[in-house]
């Protein structure tokens, strides 16, 4: 996949920040809906 000239490449720090934010959001969502995960297993 080739990037356009106006798109910047992500640095390692930016990539890790995005991944960390996504993991935190997923954890929060699981905590909010945890009862249903336990119920439906």
N, C-alpha and C. Protein backbone atom coordinates (compact mmCIF):
# COMPACT_ATOMS: atom_id res chain seq x y z
N UNK A 1 0.84 -1.18 0.00
CA UNK A 1 0.00 0.00 0.00
C UNK A 1 0.88 1.24 0.00
N UNK A 2 0.70 2.08 -0.97
CA UNK A 2 1.52 3.27 -1.11
C UNK A 2 0.80 4.47 -0.51
N UNK A 3 1.53 5.27 0.25
CA UNK A 3 0.94 6.44 0.89
C UNK A 3 1.07 7.65 -0.01
N UNK A 4 0.08 8.53 0.05
CA UNK A 4 0.15 9.77 -0.71
C UNK A 4 1.18 10.70 -0.08
N UNK A 5 1.59 11.70 -0.82
CA UNK A 5 2.60 12.63 -0.33
C UNK A 5 2.09 13.44 0.86
N UNK A 6 0.77 13.67 0.92
CA UNK A 6 0.24 14.49 2.00
C UNK A 6 -0.07 13.69 3.26
N UNK A 7 0.12 12.37 3.24
CA UNK A 7 -0.09 11.55 4.42
C UNK A 7 1.24 11.33 5.13
N UNK A 8 1.25 11.59 6.42
CA UNK A 8 2.48 11.40 7.20
C UNK A 8 2.54 9.97 7.72
N UNK A 9 3.75 9.44 7.78
CA UNK A 9 3.93 8.13 8.38
C UNK A 9 3.90 8.29 9.89
N UNK A 10 3.33 7.31 10.57
CA UNK A 10 3.28 7.35 12.02
C UNK A 10 4.62 6.95 12.61
N UNK A 11 5.00 7.65 13.64
CA UNK A 11 6.22 7.25 14.35
C UNK A 11 5.87 6.08 15.26
N UNK A 12 6.87 5.44 15.81
CA UNK A 12 6.62 4.33 16.73
C UNK A 12 5.81 4.81 17.93
N UNK A 13 6.13 5.99 18.44
CA UNK A 13 5.43 6.51 19.62
C UNK A 13 3.96 6.76 19.29
N UNK A 14 3.68 7.30 18.12
CA UNK A 14 2.30 7.56 17.72
C UNK A 14 1.54 6.24 17.54
N UNK A 15 2.18 5.25 16.95
CA UNK A 15 1.54 3.95 16.76
C UNK A 15 1.21 3.32 18.11
N UNK A 16 2.15 3.35 19.04
CA UNK A 16 1.91 2.78 20.36
C UNK A 16 0.81 3.53 21.11
N UNK A 17 0.75 4.85 20.94
CA UNK A 17 -0.28 5.64 21.58
C UNK A 17 -1.66 5.25 21.06
N UNK A 18 -1.80 5.09 19.76
CA UNK A 18 -3.08 4.70 19.15
C UNK A 18 -3.48 3.31 19.64
N UNK A 19 -2.54 2.38 19.65
CA UNK A 19 -2.83 1.01 20.10
C UNK A 19 -3.25 1.02 21.56
N UNK A 20 -2.53 1.78 22.39
CA UNK A 20 -2.87 1.86 23.81
C UNK A 20 -4.27 2.42 24.03
N UNK A 21 -4.61 3.45 23.26
CA UNK A 21 -5.95 4.04 23.38
C UNK A 21 -7.03 3.04 22.97
N UNK A 22 -6.78 2.27 21.93
CA UNK A 22 -7.76 1.28 21.47
C UNK A 22 -7.94 0.17 22.49
N UNK A 23 -6.84 -0.27 23.11
CA UNK A 23 -6.92 -1.31 24.14
C UNK A 23 -7.69 -0.79 25.35
N UNK A 24 -7.41 0.44 25.75
CA UNK A 24 -8.11 1.02 26.90
C UNK A 24 -9.61 1.15 26.61
N UNK A 25 -9.96 1.54 25.39
CA UNK A 25 -11.37 1.65 25.02
C UNK A 25 -12.04 0.28 25.03
N UNK A 26 -11.35 -0.73 24.55
CA UNK A 26 -11.91 -2.09 24.54
C UNK A 26 -12.11 -2.60 25.96
N UNK A 27 -11.14 -2.35 26.83
CA UNK A 27 -11.26 -2.77 28.23
C UNK A 27 -12.45 -2.09 28.89
N UNK A 28 -12.62 -0.82 28.62
CA UNK A 28 -13.73 -0.07 29.21
C UNK A 28 -15.06 -0.63 28.73
N UNK A 29 -15.14 -0.95 27.46
CA UNK A 29 -16.38 -1.48 26.89
C UNK A 29 -16.70 -2.85 27.49
N UNK A 30 -15.68 -3.68 27.68
CA UNK A 30 -15.90 -5.00 28.28
C UNK A 30 -16.36 -4.85 29.73
N UNK A 31 -15.76 -3.92 30.45
CA UNK A 31 -16.17 -3.69 31.84
C UNK A 31 -17.62 -3.22 31.90
N UNK A 32 -18.02 -2.36 30.97
CA UNK A 32 -19.39 -1.85 30.95
C UNK A 32 -20.40 -2.95 30.63
N UNK A 33 -20.02 -3.90 29.78
CA UNK A 33 -20.92 -4.95 29.34
C UNK A 33 -20.53 -6.32 29.90
N UNK A 34 -19.76 -6.34 30.97
CA UNK A 34 -19.23 -7.58 31.52
C UNK A 34 -20.30 -8.59 31.90
N UNK A 35 -21.42 -8.12 32.43
CA UNK A 35 -22.48 -9.02 32.84
C UNK A 35 -22.96 -9.87 31.66
N UNK A 36 -23.10 -9.27 30.50
CA UNK A 36 -23.60 -9.98 29.34
C UNK A 36 -22.59 -11.00 28.83
N UNK A 37 -21.28 -10.68 28.95
CA UNK A 37 -20.27 -11.66 28.58
C UNK A 37 -20.34 -12.88 29.49
N UNK A 38 -20.55 -12.63 30.79
CA UNK A 38 -20.67 -13.75 31.73
C UNK A 38 -21.95 -14.54 31.48
N UNK A 39 -23.03 -13.83 31.21
CA UNK A 39 -24.32 -14.47 31.01
C UNK A 39 -24.32 -15.38 29.77
N UNK A 40 -23.78 -14.88 28.66
CA UNK A 40 -23.82 -15.62 27.41
C UNK A 40 -22.56 -16.46 27.17
N UNK A 41 -21.53 -16.26 28.00
CA UNK A 41 -20.30 -17.07 27.97
C UNK A 41 -19.77 -17.26 26.61
